[in-house]
Amino acid sequence: MADYLMWPFLERLKIHIQFDLTKFPVLSAYIVAMSELPAVKADSYPVEWHKKYMEGFLTGNPEVQLIGIEEKA
């Protein structure tokens, strides 16, 4: 269960912290393994959506919560 609870933070790691994951082979393998699980695939969002959300959030866009809602439904 802890893996699933941590996944949202790891999923967004690429847009918050810019570093080379190859320097962290265990973490990199863990992220790849988690991203292949059916439950994670079903509830994950594309990196582009996370980027759009952060851009909108930082600029105070009130419609930022609606990003991707029509595609996911």
C-alpha atoms as a PDB file:
ATOM      1  CA  MET A   1       0.000   0.000   0.000  1.00  0.00           C
ATOM      2  CA  ALA A   2       2.873   2.375   0.716  1.00  0.00           C
ATOM      3  CA  ASP A   3       3.985   2.067  -2.903  1.00  0.00           C
ATOM      4  CA  TYR A   4       0.612   3.267  -4.147  1.00  0.00           C
ATOM      5  CA  LEU A   5       0.559   6.119  -1.639  1.00  0.00           C
ATOM      6  CA  MET A   6       3.983   7.345  -2.786  1.00  0.00           C
ATOM      7  CA  TRP A   7       3.285   6.989  -6.492  1.00  0.00           C
ATOM      8  CA  PRO A   8       1.612  10.426  -7.047  1.00  0.00           C
ATOM      9  CA  PHE A   9       4.760  12.119  -5.740  1.00  0.00           C
ATOM     10  CA  LEU A  10       7.047   9.971  -7.880  1.00  0.00           C
ATOM     11  CA  GLU A  11       4.826  10.490 -10.923  1.00  0.00           C
ATOM     12  CA  ARG A  12       5.336  14.264 -10.631  1.00  0.00           C
ATOM     13  CA  LEU A  13       9.033  14.036  -9.834  1.00  0.00           C
ATOM     14  CA  LYS A  14      10.013  14.709 -13.452  1.00  0.00           C
ATOM     15  CA  ILE A  15       8.453  18.161 -13.498  1.00  0.00           C
ATOM     16  CA  HIS A  16       9.532  19.319 -10.030  1.00  0.00           C
ATOM     17  CA  ILE A  17      13.131  18.196  -9.856  1.00  0.00           C
ATOM     18  CA  GLN A  18      15.458  18.235 -12.819  1.00  0.00           C
ATOM     19  CA  PHE A  19      18.090  15.581 -12.286  1.00  0.00           C
ATOM     20  CA  ASP A  20      19.403  12.572 -14.101  1.00  0.00           C
ATOM     21  CA  LEU A  21      17.636   9.419 -12.899  1.00  0.00           C
ATOM     22  CA  THR A  22      20.434   7.257 -14.292  1.00  0.00           C
ATOM     23  CA  LYS A  23      22.485   8.380 -11.293  1.00  0.00           C
ATOM     24  CA  PHE A  24      19.912   6.618  -9.125  1.00  0.00           C
ATOM     25  CA  PRO A  25      19.479   3.171 -10.710  1.00  0.00           C
ATOM     26  CA  VAL A  26      17.395   1.684  -7.890  1.00  0.00           C
ATOM     27  CA  LEU A  27      14.955   4.605  -7.884  1.00  0.00           C
ATOM     28  CA  SER A  28      14.820   4.544 -11.674  1.00  0.00           C
ATOM     29  CA  ALA A  29      14.040   0.812 -11.718  1.00  0.00           C
ATOM     30  CA  TYR A  30      11.401   1.306  -9.031  1.00  0.00           C
ATOM     31  CA  ILE A  31       9.668   4.055 -11.024  1.00  0.00           C
ATOM     32  CA  VAL A  32       9.676   1.929 -14.168  1.00  0.00           C
ATOM     33  CA  ALA A  33       8.312  -1.100 -12.285  1.00  0.00           C
ATOM     34  CA  MET A  34       5.573   0.960 -10.631  1.00  0.00           C
ATOM     35  CA  SER A  35       4.549   2.599 -13.905  1.00  0.00           C
ATOM     36  CA  GLU A  36       3.963  -0.841 -15.442  1.00  0.00           C
ATOM     37  CA  LEU A  37       1.446  -1.980 -12.809  1.00  0.00           C
ATOM     38  CA  PRO A  38      -2.135  -2.148 -14.157  1.00  0.00           C
ATOM     39  CA  ALA A  39      -3.578  -0.130 -11.249  1.00  0.00           C
ATOM     40  CA  VAL A  40      -0.996   2.616 -11.733  1.00  0.00           C
ATOM     41  CA  LYS A  41      -1.498   2.700 -15.509  1.00  0.00           C
ATOM     42  CA  ALA A  42      -5.258   3.040 -15.068  1.00  0.00           C
ATOM     43  CA  ASP A  43      -4.960   6.047 -12.767  1.00  0.00           C
ATOM     44  CA  SER A  44      -1.904   7.869 -14.081  1.00  0.00           C
ATOM     45  CA  TYR A  45      -1.939  11.089 -16.042  1.00  0.00           C
ATOM     46  CA  PRO A  46       0.403  12.194 -18.843  1.00  0.00           C
ATOM     47  CA  VAL A  47       3.354  14.386 -17.881  1.00  0.00           C
ATOM     48  CA  GLU A  48       1.921  17.126 -20.128  1.00  0.00           C
ATOM     49  CA  TRP A  49      -1.174  17.344 -17.914  1.00  0.00           C
ATOM     50  CA  HIS A  50       0.975  17.709 -14.814  1.00  0.00           C
ATOM     51  CA  LYS A  51       2.987  20.462 -16.499  1.00  0.00           C
ATOM     52  CA  LYS A  52      -0.175  22.305 -17.577  1.00  0.00           C
ATOM     53  CA  TYR A  53      -1.566  21.990 -14.068  1.00  0.00           C
ATOM     54  CA  MET A  54       1.559  23.435 -12.458  1.00  0.00           C
ATOM     55  CA  GLU A  55       1.710  26.292 -14.971  1.00  0.00           C
ATOM     56  CA  GLY A  56      -1.936  27.132 -14.326  1.00  0.00           C
ATOM     57  CA  PHE A  57      -1.604  26.777 -10.568  1.00  0.00           C
ATOM     58  CA  LEU A  58       1.400  29.071 -10.447  1.00  0.00           C
ATOM     59  CA  THR A  59      -0.382  31.726 -12.527  1.00  0.00           C
ATOM     60  CA  GLY A  60      -3.594  31.501 -10.484  1.00  0.00           C
ATOM     61  CA  ASN A  61      -5.746  30.047 -13.266  1.00  0.00           C
ATOM     62  CA  PRO A  62      -9.000  28.842 -11.589  1.00  0.00           C
ATOM     63  CA  GLU A  63      -9.731  26.360 -14.384  1.00  0.00           C
ATOM     64  CA  VAL A  64      -6.523  24.449 -13.775  1.00  0.00           C
ATOM     65  CA  GLN A  65      -8.490  21.684 -12.018  1.00  0.00           C
ATOM     66  CA  LEU A  66     -10.252  20.855 -15.310  1.00  0.00           C
ATOM     67  CA  ILE A  67      -7.119  19.947 -17.281  1.00  0.00           C
ATOM     68  CA  GLY A  68      -7.633  16.590 -18.940  1.00  0.00           C
ATOM     69  CA  ILE A  69     -11.058  15.974 -17.449  1.00  0.00           C
ATOM     70  CA  GLU A  70     -12.729  15.492 -20.837  1.00  0.00           C
ATOM     71  CA  GLU A  71     -10.072  13.032 -22.041  1.00  0.00           C
ATOM     72  CA  LYS A  72     -10.107  10.908 -18.856  1.00  0.00           C
ATOM     73  CA  ALA A  73     -13.889  10.616 -18.554  1.00  0.00           C
END
